[in-house]
């Protein structure tokens, strides 16, 4: 019986190279790369970023001055390739459950946490240590007064200043306010916009510049989604520095039980990206950046054996690449629960890197050097679960990076992928292949990328020697790779 390794690959096709790597496979796919049609805009080096609740972040990373070194290291692992460390959006449900009250007064109805100076100081010192920026949420709970939001804005200004703050969010997922009993029945996108505008007027003079707002943070309502672009246009670039939409393709709410097979479906990746493509393009015509401000695999904290296994590594990479393909400006993956990309040993504080982390690690290696997405046309495939993406280096670096994801967890068949480049004469006959692999799609350990792993790390650094596979070419701009359920980067 053959052992099945679950893998993915990144292949870097070096300048002036001709690639051919041929092995017989059961499934087939043909991919044409069009370097002449690459996007002109490089992928944001902070494209793969994170989100965390206000009242939990200091518990996770440690309170300043005792921020966990292992946490800083696992962020720097990503930044060393991407060119910048991940940004942090600090908000979520906690945005409308927190207020600024360093005196610890009695909490009003709906408030569960008093923000203290050490919260903002810790957020800011984390950003300084990582040379990155923050997006901070302020409370939108009260429909009649912006006083709580104004208190938070003033506290940010006086406690930490604005140097490391990129934008302010007003509220979180207002399209769910009626269901969450934050607003009465009848609250809709129109009344939201009126209240949002009133809040903006109350806090705008206290912000360091204009625009400085990350607008929206909508997530779930079909009725609201129909007027999403109208809201963006109404506020415009004079108010909105960025807009944010939240998406989880699956949910474990209300006793729902999604499976890993569900997560591997196109509707959980490319379907989500295509659903945002028009709004992304529209925002860009107005000069407004567009972020997927809170995302992950399964809403309501993720699901065991779906969000926390190797299959989630593949989904993470697939999700990032699909949104990069539609020109989103970045994504903030919400942390905690089953979908968290890391944890810490309760006794030693040593980082524990979980399967989704490898998806970020691979993505950031693929985008290094200011790469941009380019068309990757797959046809004549016998298995639609074989996905390919391509990137082109920037400036003098014209290396082609090909990411192959085989995410069919129902088969042990191998897959033969033939790749051709439209300007093949400009490429040499050698490439390097970086394989991300694990024992099974349900593995939580035993994962490695090009021979390196984070299993057993005590400080967050990667373990082992990086050993890409040399791919020797034999034909003009044509190569083949073969693998089972996997990810590959070919470079």
Foldseek 3Di string as FASTA:
>chain_A
DDFAWAWAAQQWFFWQFAFAADDDFDWEWEKEFELVFFDPAFAFLQQEAAEEELVCPCVFQNFPPPGALLVLLLQVLLCVQSVAGHEYEYHDLQQQQEFADQPPDDDDPSHDYHDHLRSLVRNQVSCVSRVAAYEYEHHLLDLPDLVRRQRVLVSNCVRPRCPRYQAYEYDAAVVCCCVVVSDDPPDDPVSVLVSVVVNCVVRVVSDPDFQGHAYDNHEDDPVNVVCVLVSCVVCFRRHAQAYEYEDAQAACPPNDDDAQVVLLDCCRALVVQVVCLVSCVSNVVRVHAYENEEYAHYPPQDDALRQFFQSRLLSLLRRSQSNLVSPHNHYHYYADHNNHQWGADPVQRFIDGWNNSNSSSVNSNQSGQRKTWTDMDMDPTPDPSWDKTWIAHDDPGGIIMIKIARADQPDSTKYKYKYAYPPLSRTHFKMWKWMWIASHRSHTDRTDIQAWACPPGRRNDIDDDRHTDMGGRDDRRMYMDMRHRHMGSSD
